[in-house]
């Protein structure tokens, strides 16, 4: 699971049947200071997220297919929730 910020959308004229009625969003992973930058990625939206939302993303193919209830789905990353707030405690 990855916490990220939605920074954009992807518009397609033709999409795979497994993507029907779901948007594709560009997600920027949120990292702590000093951690490497993984780079932005595209995730299938399963929670009605929008630009600026902080989201929880499942970036593992089998887990993503389970979240979509589609064992044959061709998906790697799926947004499974919108996060209201994040609190980090440094010890």
Protein backbone atom coordinates (compact mmCIF):
# COMPACT_ATOMS: atom_id res chain seq x y z
CA UNK A 1 0.00 0.00 0.00
CA UNK A 2 1.17 3.51 -0.82
CA UNK A 3 -0.12 6.89 0.31
CA UNK A 4 -0.14 9.42 -2.50
CA UNK A 5 -1.59 12.66 -3.80
CA UNK A 6 -3.72 12.73 -6.98
CA UNK A 7 -2.03 15.22 -9.31
CA UNK A 8 -3.79 14.63 -12.62
CA UNK A 9 -6.14 12.61 -14.77
CA UNK A 10 -5.70 10.46 -17.84
CA UNK A 11 -8.22 10.74 -20.68
CA UNK A 12 -8.59 7.91 -23.19
CA UNK A 13 -10.80 7.48 -26.22
CA UNK A 14 -10.52 3.70 -26.06
CA UNK A 15 -9.88 1.74 -22.88
CA UNK A 16 -9.66 -1.87 -21.81
CA UNK A 17 -12.94 -3.52 -20.80
CA UNK A 18 -11.65 -3.97 -17.22
CA UNK A 19 -11.32 -0.16 -16.91
CA UNK A 20 -14.93 0.63 -17.89
CA UNK A 21 -16.71 3.17 -15.65
CA UNK A 22 -13.49 3.86 -13.71
CA UNK A 23 -11.15 6.78 -14.15
CA UNK A 24 -7.39 6.71 -14.50
CA UNK A 25 -5.59 9.12 -12.20
CA UNK A 26 -1.96 10.24 -11.92
CA UNK A 27 -0.71 9.68 -8.36
CA UNK A 28 2.40 11.19 -6.78
CA UNK A 29 3.68 9.03 -3.88
CA UNK A 30 4.09 10.88 -0.57
CA UNK A 31 7.43 10.17 1.07
CA UNK A 32 9.28 11.27 4.17
CA UNK A 33 12.21 13.66 3.89
CA UNK A 34 15.31 11.80 2.80
CA UNK A 35 13.47 8.94 1.10
CA UNK A 36 13.96 8.34 -2.60
CA UNK A 37 11.48 9.70 -5.15
CA UNK A 38 9.61 6.83 -6.80
CA UNK A 39 8.04 9.00 -9.48
CA UNK A 40 4.40 9.46 -10.42
CA UNK A 41 2.29 6.53 -11.62
CA UNK A 42 -1.18 5.86 -13.02
CA UNK A 43 -3.82 4.14 -10.89
CA UNK A 44 -7.33 2.95 -11.60
CA UNK A 45 -9.82 4.86 -9.45
CA UNK A 46 -12.17 2.73 -7.37
CA UNK A 47 -13.19 5.40 -4.84
CA UNK A 48 -14.28 8.56 -6.73
CA UNK A 49 -11.04 10.43 -5.91
CA UNK A 50 -10.14 13.71 -7.56
CA UNK A 51 -7.19 16.01 -8.10
CA UNK A 52 -5.75 17.13 -4.76
CA UNK A 53 -7.07 14.15 -2.78
CA UNK A 54 -4.72 12.12 -0.60
CA UNK A 55 -5.35 8.48 -1.45
CA UNK A 56 -4.44 4.94 -0.41
CA UNK A 57 -3.23 2.92 -3.39
CA UNK A 58 -2.78 -0.83 -3.69
CA UNK A 59 0.20 -1.24 -6.07
CA UNK A 60 0.31 -5.01 -6.19
CA UNK A 61 -1.43 -6.76 -9.07
CA UNK A 62 -3.14 -9.60 -7.19
CA UNK A 63 -4.37 -7.30 -4.41
CA UNK A 64 -5.59 -4.77 -6.98
CA UNK A 65 -7.54 -7.46 -8.82
CA UNK A 66 -9.08 -8.59 -5.52
CA UNK A 67 -10.11 -5.00 -4.70
CA UNK A 68 -11.89 -4.85 -8.07
CA UNK A 69 -13.35 -8.34 -7.59
CA UNK A 70 -11.94 -9.31 -11.00
CA UNK A 71 -9.42 -12.17 -10.80
CA UNK A 72 -8.62 -11.84 -14.52
CA UNK A 73 -8.27 -8.03 -14.48
CA UNK A 74 -5.26 -6.42 -16.16
CA UNK A 75 -4.47 -3.89 -13.44
CA UNK A 76 -1.51 -3.24 -11.15
CA UNK A 77 -2.45 -0.07 -9.24
CA UNK A 78 -5.88 0.74 -7.85
CA UNK A 79 -7.00 3.55 -5.53
CA UNK A 80 -8.84 1.85 -2.68
CA UNK A 81 -9.60 4.83 -0.43
CA UNK A 82 -9.47 8.57 0.15
CA UNK A 83 -7.53 9.64 3.24
CA UNK A 84 -8.90 12.48 5.38
CA UNK A 85 -5.71 13.14 7.35
CA UNK A 86 -2.25 11.73 8.02
CA UNK A 87 -0.33 12.03 11.27
CA UNK A 88 3.32 11.05 11.56
CA UNK A 89 5.04 10.76 14.91
CA UNK A 90 8.82 10.84 14.94
CA UNK A 91 10.41 9.03 17.86
